[in-house]
Amino acid sequence: MRNNKLYIQPNFYSFLEELAANNTRNWFKSHKNDFETQVFLPFKALTETVIFLMQKIDPEINIAFNQAAFRIYRDIRFSPDKTPYKLWMGAVVSRNGRKNTTMPEVYFQFGPGENFIAAGLYKPDKNALYRIRQKIAENPVLFEQITNAESLINFFPDGIQGERNKRLPVKTWQQTAQKYPFILNKQFYAVNFYSRKKILQTANLAEFIVSHYKAMESFNNWLMTSHA
């Protein structure tokens, strides 16, 4: 199994810091080879190993790197910030990669600004959200137990997070929300932030990332059954 020396190194961060100070197409073009060798290829190797490890857990994960990873190019069409490049690299590993809206996932993002690993379901679509809320309503006590599992809290001390609606379309759900407010959630994810030092010194970063997904095993299984 690969170790972290083949993944993210200090020059991964130093390149992105230089990019932050020179976020123009001309600068990036003249440093494209540095981007490839210091940032893109190490992150690609990391992501492909995460995909490989995740396939051992869920054989239905059948995605390539470009389906999981976000490109460094920013969409500036509707943004007041016209800098063309992101200052981080991130990827979603799930059955549907970064376009996932239904199944449990693991997300990791590394850059000079912040480094974090998340798991759960960040962007459930309308149908998935309906099924999740219906399943919570059927047994809110079970959901509460799953989301307070020791393994989950050990990796994610803040537990399950996400934006919430104030009102719900089903009257009985609104009643459930009085005691179990998780049913108001529009997102169901957990996240932990790490220092750059932690990312650089982790002996096997790919396994460390996947361990966050494994810590959510009970929640992941629950989420899969809500989708079935």
C-alpha atoms as a PDB file:
ATOM      1  CA  MET A   1       0.000   0.000   0.000  1.00  0.00           C
ATOM      2  CA  ARG A   2       1.311   3.429  -0.885  1.00  0.00           C
ATOM      3  CA  ASN A   3       2.328   5.785   1.870  1.00  0.00           C
ATOM      4  CA  ASN A   4       1.950   9.524   2.043  1.00  0.00           C
ATOM      5  CA  LYS A   5       5.324  10.273   0.424  1.00  0.00           C
ATOM      6  CA  LEU A   6       3.651   9.567  -2.914  1.00  0.00           C
ATOM      7  CA  TYR A   7       0.789  11.894  -2.129  1.00  0.00           C
ATOM      8  CA  ILE A   8       0.738  15.398  -0.718  1.00  0.00           C
ATOM      9  CA  GLN A   9       4.082  17.001   0.053  1.00  0.00           C
ATOM     10  CA  PRO A  10       4.973  20.524   1.279  1.00  0.00           C
ATOM     11  CA  ASN A  11       5.334  21.716  -2.321  1.00  0.00           C
ATOM     12  CA  PHE A  12       1.628  20.937  -2.832  1.00  0.00           C
ATOM     13  CA  TYR A  13       0.856  23.768  -0.415  1.00  0.00           C
ATOM     14  CA  SER A  14       3.663  26.063  -1.525  1.00  0.00           C
ATOM     15  CA  PHE A  15       2.450  25.963  -5.135  1.00  0.00           C
ATOM     16  CA  LEU A  16      -1.105  26.847  -4.104  1.00  0.00           C
ATOM     17  CA  GLU A  17       0.220  29.671  -1.922  1.00  0.00           C
ATOM     18  CA  GLU A  18       2.130  31.039  -4.909  1.00  0.00           C
ATOM     19  CA  LEU A  19      -1.008  30.698  -6.984  1.00  0.00           C
ATOM     20  CA  ALA A  20      -2.922  32.730  -4.399  1.00  0.00           C
ATOM     21  CA  ALA A  21      -0.442  35.573  -4.910  1.00  0.00           C
ATOM     22  CA  ASN A  22      -0.447  35.206  -8.705  1.00  0.00           C
ATOM     23  CA  ASN A  23      -3.943  34.070  -9.604  1.00  0.00           C
ATOM     24  CA  THR A  24      -3.827  34.857 -13.313  1.00  0.00           C
ATOM     25  CA  ARG A  25      -3.977  32.738 -16.441  1.00  0.00           C
ATOM     26  CA  ASN A  26      -0.569  33.915 -17.619  1.00  0.00           C
ATOM     27  CA  TRP A  27       1.154  32.928 -14.373  1.00  0.00           C
ATOM     28  CA  PHE A  28      -0.617  29.572 -14.231  1.00  0.00           C
ATOM     29  CA  LYS A  29       0.256  28.817 -17.862  1.00  0.00           C
ATOM     30  CA  SER A  30       3.930  29.490 -17.235  1.00  0.00           C
ATOM     31  CA  HIS A  31       3.854  27.254 -14.142  1.00  0.00           C
ATOM     32  CA  LYS A  32       1.616  24.505 -15.544  1.00  0.00           C
ATOM     33  CA  ASN A  33       4.338  21.857 -15.237  1.00  0.00           C
ATOM     34  CA  ASP A  34       4.795  22.678 -11.546  1.00  0.00           C
ATOM     35  CA  PHE A  35       1.049  22.344 -11.044  1.00  0.00           C
ATOM     36  CA  GLU A  36       1.050  18.948 -12.727  1.00  0.00           C
ATOM     37  CA  THR A  37       3.954  17.514 -10.738  1.00  0.00           C
ATOM     38  CA  GLN A  38       3.420  19.147  -7.346  1.00  0.00           C
ATOM     39  CA  VAL A  39      -0.373  19.307  -7.104  1.00  0.00           C
ATOM     40  CA  PHE A  40      -2.356  17.487  -9.766  1.00  0.00           C
ATOM     41  CA  LEU A  41      -0.526  14.149 -10.026  1.00  0.00           C
ATOM     42  CA  PRO A  42      -0.103  13.649  -6.244  1.00  0.00           C
ATOM     43  CA  PHE A  43      -3.768  14.471  -5.681  1.00  0.00           C
ATOM     44  CA  LYS A  44      -4.761  12.142  -8.519  1.00  0.00           C
ATOM     45  CA  ALA A  45      -2.745   9.310  -6.972  1.00  0.00           C
ATOM     46  CA  LEU A  46      -4.362   9.975  -3.604  1.00  0.00           C
ATOM     47  CA  THR A  47      -7.887  10.061  -5.025  1.00  0.00           C
ATOM     48  CA  GLU A  48      -7.420   6.911  -7.074  1.00  0.00           C
ATOM     49  CA  THR A  49      -6.211   5.066  -3.974  1.00  0.00           C
ATOM     50  CA  VAL A  50      -9.215   6.313  -2.007  1.00  0.00           C
ATOM     51  CA  ILE A  51     -11.489   5.046  -4.798  1.00  0.00           C
ATOM     52  CA  PHE A  52      -9.723   1.668  -4.692  1.00  0.00           C
ATOM     53  CA  LEU A  53     -10.167   1.388  -0.912  1.00  0.00           C
ATOM     54  CA  MET A  54     -13.785   2.531  -1.075  1.00  0.00           C
ATOM     55  CA  GLN A  55     -14.550  -0.124  -3.698  1.00  0.00           C
ATOM     56  CA  LYS A  56     -13.595  -2.742  -1.115  1.00  0.00           C
ATOM     57  CA  ILE A  57     -16.369  -1.363   1.098  1.00  0.00           C
ATOM     58  CA  ASP A  58     -18.908  -0.748  -1.657  1.00  0.00           C
ATOM     59  CA  PRO A  59     -18.197  -2.628  -4.927  1.00  0.00           C
ATOM     60  CA  GLU A  60     -20.812  -0.489  -6.690  1.00  0.00           C
ATOM     61  CA  ILE A  61     -18.459   2.482  -6.546  1.00  0.00           C
ATOM     62  CA  ASN A  62     -17.181   2.428 -10.119  1.00  0.00           C
ATOM     63  CA  ILE A  63     -15.846   5.868 -10.922  1.00  0.00           C
ATOM     64  CA  ALA A  64     -12.703   7.377 -12.410  1.00  0.00           C
ATOM     65  CA  PHE A  65     -10.626  10.204 -10.985  1.00  0.00           C
ATOM     66  CA  ASN A  66     -12.224  12.846 -13.211  1.00  0.00           C
ATOM     67  CA  GLN A  67     -15.679  11.820 -11.944  1.00  0.00           C
ATOM     68  CA  ALA A  68     -14.598  12.317  -8.341  1.00  0.00           C
ATOM     69  CA  ALA A  69     -12.291  15.327  -8.389  1.00  0.00           C
ATOM     70  CA  PHE A  70     -13.136  18.975  -8.862  1.00  0.00           C
ATOM     71  CA  ARG A  71     -11.108  20.850 -11.458  1.00  0.00           C
ATOM     72  CA  ILE A  72      -8.913  23.711 -10.319  1.00  0.00           C
ATOM     73  CA  TYR A  73     -10.618  26.101 -12.742  1.00  0.00           C
ATOM     74  CA  ARG A  74     -13.244  28.334 -11.146  1.00  0.00           C
ATOM     75  CA  ASP A  75     -16.612  29.093 -12.732  1.00  0.00           C
ATOM     76  CA  ILE A  76     -16.474  32.891 -12.744  1.00  0.00           C
ATOM     77  CA  ARG A  77     -19.497  33.560 -14.955  1.00  0.00           C
ATOM     78  CA  PHE A  78     -21.744  34.769 -12.145  1.00  0.00           C
ATOM     79  CA  SER A  79     -19.160  35.542  -9.486  1.00  0.00           C
ATOM     80  CA  PRO A  80     -17.830  38.994  -8.536  1.00  0.00           C
ATOM     81  CA  ASP A  81     -14.516  37.235  -7.844  1.00  0.00           C
ATOM     82  CA  LYS A  82     -12.899  36.849 -11.260  1.00  0.00           C
ATOM     83  CA  THR A  83      -9.755  35.015 -10.171  1.00  0.00           C
ATOM     84  CA  PRO A  84      -9.622  31.999 -12.478  1.00  0.00           C
ATOM     85  CA  TYR A  85      -8.258  29.279 -10.198  1.00  0.00           C
ATOM     86  CA  LYS A  86      -9.258  27.572  -6.965  1.00  0.00           C
ATOM     87  CA  LEU A  87      -6.716  27.444  -4.163  1.00  0.00           C
ATOM     88  CA  TRP A  88      -7.514  23.895  -3.121  1.00  0.00           C
ATOM     89  CA  MET A  89      -8.035  20.407  -4.495  1.00  0.00           C
ATOM     90  CA  GLY A  90     -11.065  18.345  -3.545  1.00  0.00           C
ATOM     91  CA  ALA A  91     -12.860  15.132  -4.478  1.00  0.00           C
ATOM     92  CA  VAL A  92     -16.099  13.281  -3.719  1.00  0.00           C
ATOM     93  CA  VAL A  93     -15.866   9.498  -3.685  1.00  0.00           C
ATOM     94  CA  SER A  94     -19.247   7.802  -3.923  1.00  0.00           C
ATOM     95  CA  ARG A  95     -21.196   5.710  -6.408  1.00  0.00           C
ATOM     96  CA  ASN A  96     -21.924   8.879  -8.375  1.00  0.00           C
ATOM     97  CA  GLY A  97     -18.720  10.806  -7.738  1.00  0.00           C
ATOM     98  CA  ARG A  98     -18.971  14.557  -7.320  1.00  0.00           C
ATOM     99  CA  LYS A  99     -22.474  14.537  -8.870  1.00  0.00           C
ATOM    100  CA  ASN A 100     -23.767  12.453  -5.985  1.00  0.00           C
ATOM    101  CA  THR A 101     -27.228  13.330  -4.656  1.00  0.00           C
ATOM    102  CA  THR A 102     -28.435  10.070  -3.123  1.00  0.00           C
ATOM    103  CA  MET A 103     -25.760   7.786  -1.639  1.00  0.00           C
ATOM    104  CA  PRO A 104     -23.263   8.098   1.228  1.00  0.00           C
ATOM    105  CA  GLU A 105     -19.958   9.695   0.273  1.00  0.00           C
ATOM    106  CA  VAL A 106     -16.595  10.799   1.549  1.00  0.00           C
ATOM    107  CA  TYR A 107     -15.262  14.235   0.597  1.00  0.00           C
ATOM    108  CA  PHE A 108     -11.762  15.570   1.148  1.00  0.00           C
ATOM    109  CA  GLN A 109     -10.349  18.994   0.420  1.00  0.00           C
ATOM    110  CA  PHE A 110      -6.791  20.192   0.951  1.00  0.00           C
ATOM    111  CA  GLY A 111      -5.218  23.607   0.493  1.00  0.00           C
ATOM    112  CA  PRO A 112      -3.405  26.395   2.347  1.00  0.00           C
ATOM    113  CA  GLY A 113      -6.691  27.864   3.568  1.00  0.00           C
ATOM    114  CA  GLU A 114      -8.166  24.779   5.188  1.00  0.00           C
ATOM    115  CA  ASN A 115      -7.970  21.006   5.158  1.00  0.00           C
ATOM    116  CA  PHE A 116     -10.946  18.838   5.967  1.00  0.00           C
ATOM    117  CA  ILE A 117     -12.558  15.445   5.496  1.00  0.00           C
ATOM    118  CA  ALA A 118     -16.330  14.986   5.461  1.00  0.00           C
ATOM    119  CA  ALA A 119     -18.732  12.089   5.092  1.00  0.00           C
ATOM    120  CA  GLY A 120     -22.484  11.599   4.801  1.00  0.00           C
ATOM    121  CA  LEU A 121     -24.652  13.223   2.139  1.00  0.00           C
ATOM    122  CA  TYR A 122     -24.072  16.889   1.365  1.00  0.00           C
ATOM    123  CA  LYS A 123     -26.519  17.526  -1.490  1.00  0.00           C
ATOM    124  CA  PRO A 124     -29.505  15.166  -1.384  1.00  0.00           C
ATOM    125  CA  ASP A 125     -31.886  15.768  -4.258  1.00  0.00           C
ATOM    126  CA  LYS A 126     -35.592  16.394  -3.671  1.00  0.00           C
ATOM    127  CA  ASN A 127     -36.601  12.740  -3.845  1.00  0.00           C
ATOM    128  CA  ALA A 128     -33.746  11.539  -1.672  1.00  0.00           C
ATOM    129  CA  LEU A 129     -34.489  14.209   0.923  1.00  0.00           C
ATOM    130  CA  TYR A 130     -38.146  13.167   1.028  1.00  0.00           C
ATOM    131  CA  ARG A 131     -37.198   9.511   1.594  1.00  0.00           C
ATOM    132  CA  ILE A 132     -34.684  10.434   4.305  1.00  0.00           C
ATOM    133  CA  ARG A 133     -37.212  12.541   6.184  1.00  0.00           C
ATOM    134  CA  GLN A 134     -39.865   9.869   5.864  1.00  0.00           C
ATOM    135  CA  LYS A 135     -37.467   7.302   7.336  1.00  0.00           C
ATOM    136  CA  ILE A 136     -36.567   9.649  10.204  1.00  0.00           C
ATOM    137  CA  ALA A 137     -40.271  10.167  10.919  1.00  0.00           C
ATOM    138  CA  GLU A 138     -40.856   6.412  11.021  1.00  0.00           C
ATOM    139  CA  ASN A 139     -38.237   5.891  13.736  1.00  0.00           C
ATOM    140  CA  PRO A 140     -36.633   9.094  15.020  1.00  0.00           C
ATOM    141  CA  VAL A 141     -35.181   7.346  18.072  1.00  0.00           C
ATOM    142  CA  LEU A 142     -33.197   4.978  15.859  1.00  0.00           C
ATOM    143  CA  PHE A 143     -31.903   7.886  13.797  1.00  0.00           C
ATOM    144  CA  GLU A 144     -30.814   9.678  16.956  1.00  0.00           C
ATOM    145  CA  GLN A 145     -28.976   6.572  18.139  1.00  0.00           C
ATOM    146  CA  ILE A 146     -27.216   6.116  14.786  1.00  0.00           C
ATOM    147  CA  THR A 147     -26.078   9.718  14.586  1.00  0.00           C
ATOM    148  CA  ASN A 148     -24.711   9.558  18.121  1.00  0.00           C
ATOM    149  CA  ALA A 149     -22.771   6.339  17.547  1.00  0.00           C
ATOM    150  CA  GLU A 150     -19.412   6.314  19.340  1.00  0.00           C
ATOM    151  CA  SER A 151     -17.411   5.679  16.157  1.00  0.00           C
ATOM    152  CA  LEU A 152     -19.058   8.650  14.426  1.00  0.00           C
ATOM    153  CA  ILE A 153     -18.484  11.039  17.313  1.00  0.00           C
ATOM    154  CA  ASN A 154     -14.856   9.906  17.700  1.00  0.00           C
ATOM    155  CA  PHE A 155     -14.083  11.102  14.180  1.00  0.00           C
ATOM    156  CA  PHE A 156     -16.617  13.913  14.036  1.00  0.00           C
ATOM    157  CA  PRO A 157     -17.066  15.483  17.486  1.00  0.00           C
ATOM    158  CA  ASP A 158     -19.665  17.938  16.170  1.00  0.00           C
ATOM    159  CA  GLY A 159     -21.813  15.096  14.818  1.00  0.00           C
ATOM    160  CA  ILE A 160     -24.177  15.343  11.873  1.00  0.00           C
ATOM    161  CA  GLN A 161     -24.548  18.854  10.473  1.00  0.00           C
ATOM    162  CA  GLY A 162     -26.418  20.620   7.697  1.00  0.00           C
ATOM    163  CA  GLU A 163     -28.666  23.529   6.814  1.00  0.00           C
ATOM    164  CA  ARG A 164     -32.267  23.249   7.959  1.00  0.00           C
ATOM    165  CA  ASN A 165     -35.702  24.218   6.710  1.00  0.00           C
ATOM    166  CA  LYS A 166     -37.962  26.133   9.045  1.00  0.00           C
ATOM    167  CA  ARG A 167     -41.088  24.407   7.777  1.00  0.00           C
ATOM    168  CA  LEU A 168     -41.759  20.961   6.323  1.00  0.00           C
ATOM    169  CA  PRO A 169     -44.335  19.943   3.691  1.00  0.00           C
ATOM    170  CA  VAL A 170     -45.821  17.111   5.770  1.00  0.00           C
ATOM    171  CA  LYS A 171     -47.755  18.065   8.890  1.00  0.00           C
ATOM    172  CA  THR A 172     -46.684  15.019  10.901  1.00  0.00           C
ATOM    173  CA  TRP A 173     -43.045  15.767  10.087  1.00  0.00           C
ATOM    174  CA  GLN A 174     -43.471  19.219  11.562  1.00  0.00           C
ATOM    175  CA  GLN A 175     -44.725  17.607  14.734  1.00  0.00           C
ATOM    176  CA  THR A 176     -41.746  15.240  14.789  1.00  0.00           C
ATOM    177  CA  ALA A 177     -39.403  18.229  14.409  1.00  0.00           C
ATOM    178  CA  GLN A 178     -40.486  19.626  17.765  1.00  0.00           C
ATOM    179  CA  LYS A 179     -38.655  16.792  19.512  1.00  0.00           C
ATOM    180  CA  TYR A 180     -36.307  15.581  16.750  1.00  0.00           C
ATOM    181  CA  PRO A 181     -35.125  18.661  14.827  1.00  0.00           C
ATOM    182  CA  PHE A 182     -32.830  16.611  12.570  1.00  0.00           C
ATOM    183  CA  ILE A 183     -35.827  16.016  10.327  1.00  0.00           C
ATOM    184  CA  LEU A 184     -35.549  19.686   9.338  1.00  0.00           C
ATOM    185  CA  ASN A 185     -32.107  19.090   7.845  1.00  0.00           C
ATOM    186  CA  LYS A 186     -31.541  19.658   4.132  1.00  0.00           C
ATOM    187  CA  GLN A 187     -28.058  18.141   4.444  1.00  0.00           C
ATOM    188  CA  PHE A 188     -26.704  15.233   6.444  1.00  0.00           C
ATOM    189  CA  TYR A 189     -22.932  15.360   6.721  1.00  0.00           C
ATOM    190  CA  ALA A 190     -20.187  15.344   9.326  1.00  0.00           C
ATOM    191  CA  VAL A 191     -16.867  17.139   8.943  1.00  0.00           C
ATOM    192  CA  ASN A 192     -13.545  17.425  10.718  1.00  0.00           C
ATOM    193  CA  PHE A 193     -10.863  20.020  10.029  1.00  0.00           C
ATOM    194  CA  TYR A 194      -7.147  19.279  10.221  1.00  0.00           C
ATOM    195  CA  SER A 195      -3.926  21.222  10.242  1.00  0.00           C
ATOM    196  CA  ARG A 196      -1.570  21.154   7.283  1.00  0.00           C
ATOM    197  CA  LYS A 197       0.933  19.413   9.559  1.00  0.00           C
ATOM    198  CA  LYS A 198      -1.530  16.603  10.257  1.00  0.00           C
ATOM    199  CA  ILE A 199      -2.146  16.017   6.539  1.00  0.00           C
ATOM    200  CA  LEU A 200       1.569  15.994   5.732  1.00  0.00           C
ATOM    201  CA  GLN A 201       2.508  13.706   8.620  1.00  0.00           C
ATOM    202  CA  THR A 202      -0.274  11.124   8.273  1.00  0.00           C
ATOM    203  CA  ALA A 203       1.443   7.853   7.371  1.00  0.00           C
ATOM    204  CA  ASN A 204      -1.236   6.726   4.927  1.00  0.00           C
ATOM    205  CA  LEU A 205      -3.478   9.575   3.962  1.00  0.00           C
ATOM    206  CA  ALA A 206      -5.768   7.495   1.732  1.00  0.00           C
ATOM    207  CA  GLU A 207      -6.558   5.054   4.541  1.00  0.00           C
ATOM    208  CA  PHE A 208      -7.019   7.964   6.943  1.00  0.00           C
ATOM    209  CA  ILE A 209      -9.604   9.497   4.597  1.00  0.00           C
ATOM    210  CA  VAL A 210     -11.476   6.209   4.211  1.00  0.00           C
ATOM    211  CA  SER A 211     -11.483   5.680   7.980  1.00  0.00           C
ATOM    212  CA  HIS A 212     -13.814   8.687   8.192  1.00  0.00           C
ATOM    213  CA  TYR A 213     -16.288   6.924   5.929  1.00  0.00           C
ATOM    214  CA  LYS A 214     -15.983   3.729   7.976  1.00  0.00           C
ATOM    215  CA  ALA A 215     -16.695   5.700  11.151  1.00  0.00           C
ATOM    216  CA  MET A 216     -20.087   6.540   9.623  1.00  0.00           C
ATOM    217  CA  GLU A 217     -20.907   2.878   8.863  1.00  0.00           C
ATOM    218  CA  SER A 218     -24.215   2.769  10.734  1.00  0.00           C
ATOM    219  CA  PHE A 219     -25.344   6.048   9.219  1.00  0.00           C
ATOM    220  CA  ASN A 220     -24.187   4.997   5.752  1.00  0.00           C
ATOM    221  CA  ASN A 221     -26.141   1.743   5.964  1.00  0.00           C
ATOM    222  CA  TRP A 222     -29.199   3.622   7.180  1.00  0.00           C
ATOM    223  CA  LEU A 223     -28.869   6.087   4.315  1.00  0.00           C
ATOM    224  CA  MET A 224     -28.601   3.286   1.765  1.00  0.00           C
ATOM    225  CA  THR A 225     -31.760   1.629   3.059  1.00  0.00           C
ATOM    226  CA  SER A 226     -33.601   4.951   2.884  1.00  0.00           C
ATOM    227  CA  HIS A 227     -32.661   5.090  -0.795  1.00  0.00           C
ATOM    228  CA  ALA A 228     -33.734   1.519  -1.528  1.00  0.00           C
END
